[in-house]
Structure formats: C-alpha cells, structure tokens
Amino acid sequence: MAFGAPLPARIPPPPAASNVRMEVTVIIGDSEPIEGALRRFKKEVTKSGHLFELRRRRYFETNTERRIRKAAAAKRKAKLSRNTYFPQRNKK
C-alpha cells in the first residue's frame, strides 16, 4: 500500500439512501411556451420533495434534533387528523 493511501477500514460505507433516485421529467411540446414548461417543472419539483430535502439537509441534523423534529411532525399530524374527523361546531 502506498504512503498516504486510505486504509480499507477507514473508508466509510456509502449511505443507504444513495441508491434512491428522485428524478423530475418534463416533456416540452413543440409549440409550448417556455413559461408553461417552467411552471410545470416547478410543480413537479415541489411534488417530488426535492426542495424539502434540500432545505432539510442544508445543515447537519443531530440524532436529538431529528427525534425532536419527528415528534413535532407526529404531533402536528395527530392534531390535523383529530380536526379532520371531528370538525369544531360554532359556539353560540
């Protein structure tokens, strides 16, 4: 082994989610204006979750922060589902 070469044990394994591909494809028609294609592209990017992932991964998130974020999301989801099934009545 050459001097300065990384040892095999020190090479980190690839992340498990690296094989997940998030592709967005927009097919543009011959007479379609570019503004319409851009609007459709933005909508597809938003639906695919690219922007959400980009914003979420902008800074490193520790395990504690991840646990807190997931607990808050679960609390929001539970609150939303409670309000969906039992809508509030108008009080007089």
PDB file of N, CA and C in Angstrom:
ATOM      1  N   MET A   1       0.839  -1.166   0.000  1.00  0.00           N
ATOM      2  CA  MET A   1       0.000   0.000   0.000  1.00  0.00           C
ATOM      3  C   MET A   1       0.888   1.234   0.000  1.00  0.00           C
ATOM      4  N   ALA A   2       0.514   2.230  -0.755  1.00  0.00           N
ATOM      5  CA  ALA A   2       1.309   3.445  -0.870  1.00  0.00           C
ATOM      6  C   ALA A   2       1.144   4.315   0.363  1.00  0.00           C
ATOM      7  N   PHE A   3       2.158   5.133   0.591  1.00  0.00           N
ATOM      8  CA  PHE A   3       2.116   6.043   1.730  1.00  0.00           C
ATOM      9  C   PHE A   3       1.017   7.076   1.510  1.00  0.00           C
ATOM     10  N   GLY A   4       0.186   7.293   2.510  1.00  0.00           N
ATOM     11  CA  GLY A   4      -0.869   8.300   2.423  1.00  0.00           C
ATOM     12  C   GLY A   4      -2.176   7.768   1.858  1.00  0.00           C
ATOM     13  N   ALA A   5      -2.176   6.523   1.388  1.00  0.00           N
ATOM     14  CA  ALA A   5      -3.420   5.958   0.859  1.00  0.00           C
ATOM     15  C   ALA A   5      -4.324   5.567   2.019  1.00  0.00           C
ATOM     16  N   PRO A   6      -5.628   5.772   1.878  1.00  0.00           N
ATOM     17  CA  PRO A   6      -6.526   5.422   2.979  1.00  0.00           C
ATOM     18  C   PRO A   6      -6.576   3.912   3.190  1.00  0.00           C
ATOM     19  N   LEU A   7      -6.664   3.534   4.436  1.00  0.00           N
ATOM     20  CA  LEU A   7      -6.797   2.121   4.758  1.00  0.00           C
ATOM     21  C   LEU A   7      -8.212   1.662   4.420  1.00  0.00           C
ATOM     22  N   PRO A   8      -8.394   0.422   4.013  1.00  0.00           N
ATOM     23  CA  PRO A   8      -9.736  -0.048   3.660  1.00  0.00           C
ATOM     24  C   PRO A   8     -10.742   0.081   4.793  1.00  0.00           C
ATOM     25  N   ALA A   9     -10.292  -0.066   6.037  1.00  0.00           N
ATOM     26  CA  ALA A   9     -11.218   0.023   7.166  1.00  0.00           C
ATOM     27  C   ALA A   9     -11.682   1.454   7.408  1.00  0.00           C
ATOM     28  N   ARG A  10     -10.945   2.434   6.919  1.00  0.00           N
ATOM     29  CA  ARG A  10     -11.285   3.834   7.165  1.00  0.00           C
ATOM     30  C   ARG A  10     -12.213   4.418   6.108  1.00  0.00           C
ATOM     31  N   ILE A  11     -12.458   3.709   5.054  1.00  0.00           N
ATOM     32  CA  ILE A  11     -13.352   4.212   4.011  1.00  0.00           C
ATOM     33  C   ILE A  11     -14.783   4.014   4.487  1.00  0.00           C
ATOM     34  N   PRO A  12     -15.545   5.108   4.619  1.00  0.00           N
ATOM     35  CA  PRO A  12     -16.916   4.957   5.132  1.00  0.00           C
ATOM     36  C   PRO A  12     -17.810   4.264   4.114  1.00  0.00           C
ATOM     37  N   PRO A  13     -18.746   3.475   4.584  1.00  0.00           N
ATOM     38  CA  PRO A  13     -19.669   2.820   3.651  1.00  0.00           C
ATOM     39  C   PRO A  13     -20.592   3.857   3.022  1.00  0.00           C
ATOM     40  N   PRO A  14     -21.063   3.615   1.819  1.00  0.00           N
ATOM     41  CA  PRO A  14     -21.971   4.578   1.197  1.00  0.00           C
ATOM     42  C   PRO A  14     -23.280   4.639   1.964  1.00  0.00           C
ATOM     43  N   PRO A  15     -23.918   5.803   1.998  1.00  0.00           N
ATOM     44  CA  PRO A  15     -25.196   5.896   2.711  1.00  0.00           C
ATOM     45  C   PRO A  15     -26.247   4.992   2.086  1.00  0.00           C
ATOM     46  N   ALA A  16     -27.162   4.523   2.909  1.00  0.00           N
ATOM     47  CA  ALA A  16     -28.174   3.574   2.444  1.00  0.00           C
ATOM     48  C   ALA A  16     -29.114   4.209   1.437  1.00  0.00           C
ATOM     49  N   ALA A  17     -29.355   5.505   1.559  1.00  0.00           N
ATOM     50  CA  ALA A  17     -30.311   6.170   0.679  1.00  0.00           C
ATOM     51  C   ALA A  17     -29.666   6.666  -0.607  1.00  0.00           C
ATOM     52  N   SER A  18     -28.401   6.349  -0.849  1.00  0.00           N
ATOM     53  CA  SER A  18     -27.730   6.881  -2.030  1.00  0.00           C
ATOM     54  C   SER A  18     -28.261   6.265  -3.317  1.00  0.00           C
ATOM     55  N   ASN A  19     -28.856   5.078  -3.247  1.00  0.00           N
ATOM     56  CA  ASN A  19     -29.372   4.469  -4.465  1.00  0.00           C
ATOM     57  C   ASN A  19     -30.794   4.924  -4.782  1.00  0.00           C
ATOM     58  N   VAL A  20     -31.375   5.762  -3.929  1.00  0.00           N
ATOM     59  CA  VAL A  20     -32.704   6.297  -4.190  1.00  0.00           C
ATOM     60  C   VAL A  20     -32.562   7.457  -5.155  1.00  0.00           C
ATOM     61  N   ARG A  21     -33.284   7.393  -6.255  1.00  0.00           N
ATOM     62  CA  ARG A  21     -33.193   8.454  -7.259  1.00  0.00           C
ATOM     63  C   ARG A  21     -34.493   9.222  -7.294  1.00  0.00           C
ATOM     64  N   MET A  22     -34.358  10.515  -7.284  1.00  0.00           N
ATOM     65  CA  MET A  22     -35.526  11.376  -7.364  1.00  0.00           C
ATOM     66  C   MET A  22     -35.400  12.158  -8.669  1.00  0.00           C
ATOM     67  N   GLU A  23     -36.025  11.680  -9.696  1.00  0.00           N
ATOM     68  CA  GLU A  23     -35.928  12.330 -10.993  1.00  0.00           C
ATOM     69  C   GLU A  23     -37.210  13.079 -11.303  1.00  0.00           C
ATOM     70  N   VAL A  24     -37.039  14.229 -11.922  1.00  0.00           N
ATOM     71  CA  VAL A  24     -38.174  15.023 -12.367  1.00  0.00           C
ATOM     72  C   VAL A  24     -38.024  15.193 -13.871  1.00  0.00           C
ATOM     73  N   THR A  25     -39.047  14.809 -14.609  1.00  0.00           N
ATOM     74  CA  THR A  25     -39.008  14.908 -16.057  1.00  0.00           C
ATOM     75  C   THR A  25     -40.204  15.703 -16.546  1.00  0.00           C
ATOM     76  N   VAL A  26     -39.933  16.679 -17.397  1.00  0.00           N
ATOM     77  CA  VAL A  26     -40.996  17.463 -18.015  1.00  0.00           C
ATOM     78  C   VAL A  26     -40.745  17.442 -19.515  1.00  0.00           C
ATOM     79  N   ILE A  27     -41.700  16.932 -20.265  1.00  0.00           N
ATOM     80  CA  ILE A  27     -41.580  16.869 -21.722  1.00  0.00           C
ATOM     81  C   ILE A  27     -42.219  18.119 -22.304  1.00  0.00           C
ATOM     82  N   ILE A  28     -41.453  18.846 -23.106  1.00  0.00           N
ATOM     83  CA  ILE A  28     -41.913  20.109 -23.673  1.00  0.00           C
ATOM     84  C   ILE A  28     -42.421  19.860 -25.088  1.00  0.00           C
ATOM     85  N   GLY A  29     -43.616  20.378 -25.357  1.00  0.00           N
ATOM     86  CA  GLY A  29     -44.184  20.261 -26.692  1.00  0.00           C
ATOM     87  C   GLY A  29     -43.527  21.238 -27.657  1.00  0.00           C
ATOM     88  N   ASP A  30     -43.753  21.032 -28.962  1.00  0.00           N
ATOM     89  CA  ASP A  30     -43.134  21.895 -29.975  1.00  0.00           C
ATOM     90  C   ASP A  30     -43.610  23.340 -29.877  1.00  0.00           C
ATOM     91  N   SER A  31     -44.894  23.531 -29.672  1.00  0.00           N
ATOM     92  CA  SER A  31     -45.425  24.892 -29.657  1.00  0.00           C
ATOM     93  C   SER A  31     -45.693  25.402 -28.242  1.00  0.00           C
ATOM     94  N   GLU A  32     -45.193  24.693 -27.225  1.00  0.00           N
ATOM     95  CA  GLU A  32     -45.443  25.098 -25.843  1.00  0.00           C
ATOM     96  C   GLU A  32     -44.489  26.220 -25.438  1.00  0.00           C
ATOM     97  N   PRO A  33     -45.008  27.267 -24.813  1.00  0.00           N
ATOM     98  CA  PRO A  33     -44.120  28.343 -24.350  1.00  0.00           C
ATOM     99  C   PRO A  33     -43.253  27.865 -23.181  1.00  0.00           C
ATOM    100  N   ILE A  34     -42.076  28.454 -23.063  1.00  0.00           N
ATOM    101  CA  ILE A  34     -41.132  28.029 -22.030  1.00  0.00           C
ATOM    102  C   ILE A  34     -41.662  28.334 -20.635  1.00  0.00           C
ATOM    103  N   GLU A  35     -42.484  29.384 -20.495  1.00  0.00           N
ATOM    104  CA  GLU A  35     -43.036  29.737 -19.185  1.00  0.00           C
ATOM    105  C   GLU A  35     -43.934  28.618 -18.653  1.00  0.00           C
ATOM    106  N   GLY A  36     -44.727  28.034 -19.541  1.00  0.00           N
ATOM    107  CA  GLY A  36     -45.595  26.930 -19.138  1.00  0.00           C
ATOM    108  C   GLY A  36     -44.795  25.712 -18.713  1.00  0.00           C
ATOM    109  N   ALA A  37     -43.722  25.431 -19.447  1.00  0.00           N
ATOM    110  CA  ALA A  37     -42.872  24.290 -19.100  1.00  0.00           C
ATOM    111  C   ALA A  37     -42.175  24.525 -17.761  1.00  0.00           C
ATOM    112  N   LEU A  38     -41.726  25.751 -17.523  1.00  0.00           N
ATOM    113  CA  LEU A  38     -41.094  26.069 -16.238  1.00  0.00           C
ATOM    114  C   LEU A  38     -42.083  25.935 -15.091  1.00  0.00           C
ATOM    115  N   ARG A  39     -43.315  26.374 -15.313  1.00  0.00           N
ATOM    116  CA  ARG A  39     -44.346  26.271 -14.279  1.00  0.00           C
ATOM    117  C   ARG A  39     -44.606  24.798 -13.944  1.00  0.00           C
ATOM    118  N   ARG A  40     -44.711  23.957 -14.980  1.00  0.00           N
ATOM    119  CA  ARG A  40     -44.918  22.525 -14.747  1.00  0.00           C
ATOM    120  C   ARG A  40     -43.718  21.895 -14.051  1.00  0.00           C
ATOM    121  N   PHE A  41     -42.501  22.343 -14.431  1.00  0.00           N
ATOM    122  CA  PHE A  41     -41.291  21.826 -13.795  1.00  0.00           C
ATOM    123  C   PHE A  41     -41.264  22.180 -12.310  1.00  0.00           C
ATOM    124  N   LYS A  42     -41.584  23.424 -11.981  1.00  0.00           N
ATOM    125  CA  LYS A  42     -41.608  23.846 -10.574  1.00  0.00           C
ATOM    126  C   LYS A  42     -42.612  23.023  -9.781  1.00  0.00           C
ATOM    127  N   LYS A  43     -43.769  22.769 -10.391  1.00  0.00           N
ATOM    128  CA  LYS A  43     -44.801  21.988  -9.711  1.00  0.00           C
ATOM    129  C   LYS A  43     -44.317  20.559  -9.464  1.00  0.00           C
ATOM    130  N   GLU A  44     -43.663  19.953 -10.444  1.00  0.00           N
ATOM    131  CA  GLU A  44     -43.151  18.586 -10.302  1.00  0.00           C
ATOM    132  C   GLU A  44     -42.044  18.507  -9.250  1.00  0.00           C
ATOM    133  N   VAL A  45     -41.172  19.521  -9.220  1.00  0.00           N
ATOM    134  CA  VAL A  45     -40.095  19.547  -8.225  1.00  0.00           C
ATOM    135  C   VAL A  45     -40.689  19.651  -6.829  1.00  0.00           C
ATOM    136  N   THR A  46     -41.712  20.477  -6.672  1.00  0.00           N
ATOM    137  CA  THR A  46     -42.358  20.621  -5.373  1.00  0.00           C
ATOM    138  C   THR A  46     -43.019  19.314  -4.956  1.00  0.00           C
ATOM    139  N   LYS A  47     -43.719  18.658  -5.885  1.00  0.00           N
ATOM    140  CA  LYS A  47     -44.392  17.399  -5.567  1.00  0.00           C
ATOM    141  C   LYS A  47     -43.405  16.288  -5.236  1.00  0.00           C
ATOM    142  N   SER A  48     -42.242  16.289  -5.886  1.00  0.00           N
ATOM    143  CA  SER A  48     -41.281  15.209  -5.673  1.00  0.00           C
ATOM    144  C   SER A  48     -40.557  15.321  -4.336  1.00  0.00           C
ATOM    145  N   GLY A  49     -40.550  16.501  -3.729  1.00  0.00           N
ATOM    146  CA  GLY A  49     -39.910  16.672  -2.432  1.00  0.00           C
ATOM    147  C   GLY A  49     -38.460  17.100  -2.501  1.00  0.00           C
ATOM    148  N   HIS A  50     -37.965  17.486  -3.667  1.00  0.00           N
ATOM    149  CA  HIS A  50     -36.579  17.926  -3.799  1.00  0.00           C
ATOM    150  C   HIS A  50     -36.281  19.131  -2.913  1.00  0.00           C
ATOM    151  N   LEU A  51     -37.131  20.140  -2.974  1.00  0.00           N
ATOM    152  CA  LEU A  51     -36.878  21.362  -2.210  1.00  0.00           C
ATOM    153  C   LEU A  51     -36.931  21.099  -0.716  1.00  0.00           C
ATOM    154  N   PHE A  52     -37.872  20.263  -0.282  1.00  0.00           N
ATOM    155  CA  PHE A  52     -37.968  19.926   1.133  1.00  0.00           C
ATOM    156  C   PHE A  52     -36.688  19.246   1.602  1.00  0.00           C
ATOM    157  N   GLU A  53     -36.202  18.281   0.836  1.00  0.00           N
ATOM    158  CA  GLU A  53     -34.972  17.575   1.196  1.00  0.00           C
ATOM    159  C   GLU A  53     -33.773  18.511   1.181  1.00  0.00           C
ATOM    160  N   LEU A  54     -33.732  19.398   0.199  1.00  0.00           N
ATOM    161  CA  LEU A  54     -32.622  20.342   0.102  1.00  0.00           C
ATOM    162  C   LEU A  54     -32.580  21.248   1.321  1.00  0.00           C
ATOM    163  N   ARG A  55     -33.717  21.772   1.715  1.00  0.00           N
ATOM    164  CA  ARG A  55     -33.771  22.645   2.890  1.00  0.00           C
ATOM    165  C   ARG A  55     -33.479  21.869   4.166  1.00  0.00           C
ATOM    166  N   ARG A  56     -33.956  20.638   4.243  1.00  0.00           N
ATOM    167  CA  ARG A  56     -33.742  19.832   5.442  1.00  0.00           C
ATOM    168  C   ARG A  56     -32.268  19.454   5.598  1.00  0.00           C
ATOM    169  N   ARG A  57     -31.588  19.185   4.499  1.00  0.00           N
ATOM    170  CA  ARG A  57     -30.193  18.749   4.555  1.00  0.00           C
ATOM    171  C   ARG A  57     -29.197  19.900   4.452  1.00  0.00           C
ATOM    172  N   ARG A  58     -29.687  21.128   4.495  1.00  0.00           N
ATOM    173  CA  ARG A  58     -28.792  22.268   4.363  1.00  0.00           C
ATOM    174  C   ARG A  58     -27.775  22.307   5.502  1.00  0.00           C
ATOM    175  N   TYR A  59     -28.222  21.959   6.704  1.00  0.00           N
ATOM    176  CA  TYR A  59     -27.348  21.921   7.866  1.00  0.00           C
ATOM    177  C   TYR A  59     -27.396  20.521   8.461  1.00  0.00           C
ATOM    178  N   PHE A  60     -26.329  20.150   9.139  1.00  0.00           N
ATOM    179  CA  PHE A  60     -26.272  18.835   9.762  1.00  0.00           C
ATOM    180  C   PHE A  60     -27.297  18.756  10.884  1.00  0.00           C
ATOM    181  N   GLU A  61     -27.976  17.639  10.963  1.00  0.00           N
ATOM    182  CA  GLU A  61     -29.000  17.435  11.974  1.00  0.00           C
ATOM    183  C   GLU A  61     -28.563  16.280  12.879  1.00  0.00           C
ATOM    184  N   THR A  62     -28.441  16.561  14.170  1.00  0.00           N
ATOM    185  CA  THR A  62     -28.040  15.520  15.108  1.00  0.00           C
ATOM    186  C   THR A  62     -29.215  14.580  15.350  1.00  0.00           C
ATOM    187  N   ASN A  63     -28.935  13.459  16.004  1.00  0.00           N
ATOM    188  CA  ASN A  63     -29.998  12.493  16.293  1.00  0.00           C
ATOM    189  C   ASN A  63     -31.055  13.096  17.201  1.00  0.00           C
ATOM    190  N   THR A  64     -30.626  13.922  18.162  1.00  0.00           N
ATOM    191  CA  THR A  64     -31.579  14.562  19.067  1.00  0.00           C
ATOM    192  C   THR A  64     -32.492  15.506  18.299  1.00  0.00           C
ATOM    193  N   GLU A  65     -31.907  16.314  17.411  1.00  0.00           N
ATOM    194  CA  GLU A  65     -32.715  17.239  16.611  1.00  0.00           C
ATOM    195  C   GLU A  65     -33.683  16.479  15.716  1.00  0.00           C
ATOM    196  N   ARG A  66     -33.229  15.361  15.153  1.00  0.00           N
ATOM    197  CA  ARG A  66     -34.094  14.555  14.289  1.00  0.00           C
ATOM    198  C   ARG A  66     -35.267  13.987  15.086  1.00  0.00           C
ATOM    199  N   ARG A  67     -34.983  13.509  16.305  1.00  0.00           N
ATOM    200  CA  ARG A  67     -36.036  12.970  17.163  1.00  0.00           C
ATOM    201  C   ARG A  67     -37.057  14.052  17.511  1.00  0.00           C
ATOM    202  N   ILE A  68     -36.572  15.255  17.834  1.00  0.00           N
ATOM    203  CA  ILE A  68     -37.465  16.368  18.171  1.00  0.00           C
ATOM    204  C   ILE A  68     -38.314  16.747  16.964  1.00  0.00           C
ATOM    205  N   ARG A  69     -37.693  16.806  15.776  1.00  0.00           N
ATOM    206  CA  ARG A  69     -38.428  17.166  14.556  1.00  0.00           C
ATOM    207  C   ARG A  69     -39.503  16.132  14.244  1.00  0.00           C
ATOM    208  N   LYS A  70     -39.163  14.856  14.379  1.00  0.00           N
ATOM    209  CA  LYS A  70     -40.140  13.809  14.082  1.00  0.00           C
ATOM    210  C   LYS A  70     -41.280  13.803  15.096  1.00  0.00           C
ATOM    211  N   ALA A  71     -40.969  14.069  16.368  1.00  0.00           N
ATOM    212  CA  ALA A  71     -42.021  14.127  17.388  1.00  0.00           C
ATOM    213  C   ALA A  71     -42.963  15.290  17.114  1.00  0.00           C
ATOM    214  N   ALA A  72     -42.412  16.436  16.715  1.00  0.00           N
ATOM    215  CA  ALA A  72     -43.249  17.595  16.398  1.00  0.00           C
ATOM    216  C   ALA A  72     -44.116  17.313  15.176  1.00  0.00           C
ATOM    217  N   ALA A  73     -43.558  16.623  14.176  1.00  0.00           N
ATOM    218  CA  ALA A  73     -44.338  16.283  12.984  1.00  0.00           C
ATOM    219  C   ALA A  73     -45.463  15.317  13.337  1.00  0.00           C
ATOM    220  N   ALA A  74     -45.187  14.354  14.208  1.00  0.00           N
ATOM    221  CA  ALA A  74     -46.224  13.405  14.625  1.00  0.00           C
ATOM    222  C   ALA A  74     -47.324  14.122  15.393  1.00  0.00           C
ATOM    223  N   LYS A  75     -46.934  15.089  16.225  1.00  0.00           N
ATOM    224  CA  LYS A  75     -47.917  15.854  16.991  1.00  0.00           C
ATOM    225  C   LYS A  75     -48.803  16.679  16.050  1.00  0.00           C
ATOM    226  N   ARG A  76     -48.175  17.312  15.035  1.00  0.00           N
ATOM    227  CA  ARG A  76     -48.948  18.087  14.049  1.00  0.00           C
ATOM    228  C   ARG A  76     -49.899  17.186  13.277  1.00  0.00           C
ATOM    229  N   LYS A  77     -49.408  16.014  12.881  1.00  0.00           N
ATOM    230  CA  LYS A  77     -50.232  15.077  12.114  1.00  0.00           C
ATOM    231  C   LYS A  77     -51.412  14.585  12.939  1.00  0.00           C
ATOM    232  N   ALA A  78     -51.180  14.291  14.216  1.00  0.00           N
ATOM    233  CA  ALA A  78     -52.260  13.832  15.093  1.00  0.00           C
ATOM    234  C   ALA A  78     -53.294  14.935  15.292  1.00  0.00           C
ATOM    235  N   LYS A  79     -52.824  16.151  15.465  1.00  0.00           N
ATOM    236  CA  LYS A  79     -53.740  17.283  15.653  1.00  0.00           C
ATOM    237  C   LYS A  79     -54.572  17.510  14.393  1.00  0.00           C
ATOM    238  N   LEU A  80     -53.938  17.397  13.236  1.00  0.00           N
ATOM    239  CA  LEU A  80     -54.641  17.588  11.969  1.00  0.00           C
ATOM    240  C   LEU A  80     -55.687  16.501  11.769  1.00  0.00           C
ATOM    241  N   SER A  81     -55.348  15.257  12.090  1.00  0.00           N
ATOM    242  CA  SER A  81     -56.306  14.166  11.902  1.00  0.00           C
ATOM    243  C   SER A  81     -57.462  14.275  12.895  1.00  0.00           C
ATOM    244  N   ARG A  82     -57.198  14.778  14.091  1.00  0.00           N
ATOM    245  CA  ARG A  82     -58.270  14.988  15.067  1.00  0.00           C
ATOM    246  C   ARG A  82     -59.268  16.008  14.551  1.00  0.00           C
ATOM    247  N   ASN A  83     -58.766  17.100  13.987  1.00  0.00           N
ATOM    248  CA  ASN A  83     -59.644  18.155  13.493  1.00  0.00           C
ATOM    249  C   ASN A  83     -60.385  17.741  12.229  1.00  0.00           C
ATOM    250  N   THR A  84     -59.844  16.832  11.469  1.00  0.00           N
ATOM    251  CA  THR A  84     -60.484  16.397  10.232  1.00  0.00           C
ATOM    252  C   THR A  84     -61.709  15.539  10.526  1.00  0.00           C
ATOM    253  N   TYR A  85     -61.607  14.648  11.499  1.00  0.00           N
ATOM    254  CA  TYR A  85     -62.713  13.746  11.784  1.00  0.00           C
ATOM    255  C   TYR A  85     -63.819  14.406  12.600  1.00  0.00           C
ATOM    256  N   PHE A  86     -63.461  15.298  13.470  1.00  0.00           N
ATOM    257  CA  PHE A  86     -64.437  15.964  14.324  1.00  0.00           C
ATOM    258  C   PHE A  86     -64.330  17.476  14.144  1.00  0.00           C
ATOM    259  N   PRO A  87     -64.980  18.017  13.130  1.00  0.00           N
ATOM    260  CA  PRO A  87     -64.879  19.461  12.928  1.00  0.00           C
ATOM    261  C   PRO A  87     -65.515  20.212  14.094  1.00  0.00           C
ATOM    262  N   GLN A  88     -64.958  21.357  14.421  1.00  0.00           N
ATOM    263  CA  GLN A  88     -65.467  22.138  15.539  1.00  0.00           C
ATOM    264  C   GLN A  88     -66.810  22.746  15.173  1.00  0.00           C
ATOM    265  N   ARG A  89     -67.694  22.778  16.155  1.00  0.00           N
ATOM    266  CA  ARG A  89     -69.013  23.367  15.943  1.00  0.00           C
ATOM    267  C   ARG A  89     -68.968  24.843  16.289  1.00  0.00           C
ATOM    268  N   ASN A  90     -69.861  25.588  15.694  1.00  0.00           N
ATOM    269  CA  ASN A  90     -69.954  27.007  16.016  1.00  0.00           C
ATOM    270  C   ASN A  90     -70.594  27.159  17.381  1.00  0.00           C
ATOM    271  N   LYS A  91     -69.902  27.835  18.272  1.00  0.00           N
ATOM    272  CA  LYS A  91     -70.438  28.053  19.615  1.00  0.00           C
ATOM    273  C   LYS A  91     -71.249  29.336  19.624  1.00  0.00           C
ATOM    274  N   LYS A  92     -72.362  29.299  20.361  1.00  0.00           N
ATOM    275  CA  LYS A  92     -73.216  30.487  20.428  1.00  0.00           C
ATOM    276  C   LYS A  92     -72.932  31.300  21.644  1.00  0.00           C
TER     277      LYS A  92
END
